[in-house]
Amino acid sequence: MTALLAEVTVKPGMETHWEGIARTVWGATHENEPGCLRYEYWRGSKPRHYFVLLIFEDFDSFMVHQVADYHHNAGFGDCFESFSLQHIDPVTNACGFEPSETASEPNPKKGEIWNNYVANHSEPTPEWWLEHR
């Protein structure tokens, strides 16, 4: 499994546009990606502040999502005032998911976009996670 949490602040006045993109990508993701276990957008308590929860069967399923035209070309970046993405890991016996994979290796058969996402989104598994699994 691969799980991530995105934290986003959208530019002033972009809330409606951002939420429209979110609805479109959410629908396409759930319709087209059998490796998607959870993919949800949430408003935060601060104005223009959002969270996105992403949980996929494995890192490759996450990459399928990243390179999908409806995600890759959605126009998210035009909305961002700030953006952070972090891998998250379930607490054993306090969550119904398996430990999170945080990396993959480039694959020349997958193409440039895929491999750019792999390079940008792969991170070593945090050591402190391993102590608690």
Protein backbone atom coordinates (compact mmCIF):
# COMPACT_ATOMS: atom_id res chain seq x y z
CA MET A 1 0.00 0.00 0.00
CA THR A 2 1.04 3.60 -0.59
CA ALA A 3 -0.59 6.40 1.39
CA LEU A 4 -0.06 10.14 1.21
CA LEU A 5 -1.56 13.30 2.61
CA ALA A 6 -1.47 16.52 0.63
CA GLU A 7 -1.94 19.88 2.32
CA VAL A 8 -2.96 22.70 0.00
CA THR A 9 -3.69 26.39 0.31
CA VAL A 10 -5.32 27.73 -2.83
CA LYS A 11 -4.88 31.27 -4.14
CA PRO A 12 -7.55 33.77 -3.09
CA GLY A 13 -10.67 33.43 -5.22
CA MET A 14 -9.69 29.97 -6.54
CA GLU A 15 -11.80 27.91 -4.11
CA THR A 16 -14.66 27.22 -6.53
CA HIS A 17 -12.31 26.42 -9.40
CA TRP A 18 -10.18 24.14 -7.16
CA GLU A 19 -13.24 22.27 -5.88
CA GLY A 20 -14.45 21.80 -9.46
CA ILE A 21 -11.13 20.23 -10.43
CA ALA A 22 -11.28 18.09 -7.29
CA ARG A 23 -14.74 16.76 -8.20
CA THR A 24 -13.66 15.94 -11.75
CA VAL A 25 -10.43 14.19 -10.73
CA TRP A 26 -12.12 12.40 -7.84
CA GLY A 27 -14.79 10.97 -10.16
CA ALA A 28 -12.31 9.93 -12.85
CA THR A 29 -9.99 8.37 -10.30
CA HIS A 30 -12.71 6.24 -8.73
CA GLU A 31 -14.10 5.27 -12.13
CA ASN A 32 -10.80 4.32 -13.77
CA GLU A 33 -8.33 3.19 -11.11
CA PRO A 34 -8.98 -0.18 -9.47
CA GLY A 35 -5.75 0.28 -7.45
CA CYS A 36 -7.21 3.31 -5.67
CA LEU A 37 -8.35 2.44 -2.14
CA ARG A 38 -9.11 5.99 -0.92
CA TYR A 39 -8.90 9.31 -2.71
CA GLU A 40 -10.68 12.16 -0.94
CA TYR A 41 -10.63 15.93 -0.78
CA TRP A 42 -11.33 17.74 2.49
CA ARG A 43 -11.73 21.39 3.43
CA GLY A 44 -9.63 22.51 6.38
CA SER A 45 -10.80 24.92 9.07
CA LYS A 46 -8.65 27.78 7.72
CA PRO A 47 -9.89 29.68 4.66
CA ARG A 48 -8.60 28.30 1.33
CA HIS A 49 -7.01 25.33 3.13
CA TYR A 50 -7.56 21.76 1.89
CA PHE A 51 -6.32 18.24 2.48
CA VAL A 52 -6.23 15.34 0.04
CA LEU A 53 -5.99 11.77 1.33
CA LEU A 54 -4.55 9.29 -1.19
CA ILE A 55 -4.32 5.56 -0.52
CA PHE A 56 -3.40 3.11 -3.27
CA GLU A 57 -2.79 -0.65 -3.36
CA ASP A 58 0.91 -0.04 -4.11
CA PHE A 59 3.33 2.59 -5.36
CA ASP A 60 2.70 1.66 -9.01
CA SER A 61 -1.04 2.23 -8.55
CA PHE A 62 -0.20 5.68 -7.19
CA MET A 63 1.93 6.31 -10.30
CA VAL A 64 -0.97 5.20 -12.54
CA HIS A 65 -2.98 7.94 -10.84
CA GLN A 66 -0.25 10.55 -11.18
CA VAL A 67 0.25 10.04 -14.93
CA ALA A 68 -3.45 9.73 -15.80
CA ASP A 69 -4.36 12.55 -18.17
CA TYR A 70 -7.29 13.63 -15.98
CA HIS A 71 -4.83 14.13 -13.09
CA HIS A 72 -1.56 15.13 -14.79
CA ASN A 73 -3.29 17.80 -16.92
CA ALA A 74 -5.99 18.89 -14.46
CA GLY A 75 -4.56 22.36 -13.82
CA PHE A 76 -4.04 21.94 -10.08
CA GLY A 77 -0.79 23.90 -10.08
CA ASP A 78 -2.51 27.09 -11.22
CA CYS A 79 -4.50 27.05 -7.98
CA PHE A 80 -1.70 26.56 -5.45
CA GLU A 81 -0.54 29.23 -3.06
CA SER A 82 1.21 26.47 -1.14
CA PHE A 83 1.37 22.71 -1.47
CA SER A 84 3.00 19.92 0.51
CA LEU A 85 2.77 16.19 0.08
CA GLN A 86 3.95 13.66 2.61
CA HIS A 87 3.89 9.92 2.83
CA ILE A 88 1.88 8.61 5.76
CA ASP A 89 1.96 5.22 7.47
CA PRO A 90 -0.84 3.47 9.37
CA VAL A 91 -0.42 2.84 13.07
CA THR A 92 -0.47 -0.94 13.55
CA ASN A 93 -3.78 -2.17 14.99
CA ALA A 94 -5.20 1.36 14.89
CA CYS A 95 -5.89 1.52 11.15
CA GLY A 96 -7.22 -0.95 8.63
CA PHE A 97 -4.38 -0.59 6.13
CA GLU A 98 -1.02 -2.27 5.56
CA PRO A 99 2.32 -0.44 5.97
CA SER A 100 3.00 2.21 3.36
CA GLU A 101 5.50 1.88 0.48
CA THR A 102 7.26 5.20 -0.05
CA ALA A 103 9.37 4.59 -3.15
CA SER A 104 9.82 2.88 -6.46
CA GLU A 105 12.57 2.59 -9.05
CA PRO A 106 12.51 4.25 -12.48
CA ASN A 107 11.32 1.98 -15.25
CA PRO A 108 12.45 2.84 -18.82
CA LYS A 109 9.38 1.03 -20.20
CA LYS A 110 7.04 3.45 -18.41
CA GLY A 111 8.17 6.70 -20.06
CA GLU A 112 9.40 10.10 -19.01
CA ILE A 113 6.30 11.38 -17.19
CA TRP A 114 6.05 8.21 -15.08
CA ASN A 115 9.74 8.29 -14.20
CA ASN A 116 9.64 12.01 -13.33
CA TYR A 117 6.82 11.29 -10.87
CA VAL A 118 8.74 8.32 -9.44
CA ALA A 119 11.79 10.55 -8.91
CA ASN A 120 9.76 13.39 -7.38
CA HIS A 121 7.57 11.25 -5.11
CA SER A 122 9.90 8.47 -3.93
CA GLU A 123 11.39 8.81 -0.47
CA PRO A 124 13.20 6.34 1.77
CA THR A 125 10.93 4.81 4.38
CA PRO A 126 11.44 6.87 7.55
CA GLU A 127 13.51 4.85 10.01
CA TRP A 128 11.27 5.77 12.92
CA TRP A 129 8.31 4.12 11.16
CA LEU A 130 10.16 0.81 11.06
CA GLU A 131 10.70 0.87 14.82
CA HIS A 132 6.94 1.04 15.39
CA ARG A 133 5.56 -1.33 12.79
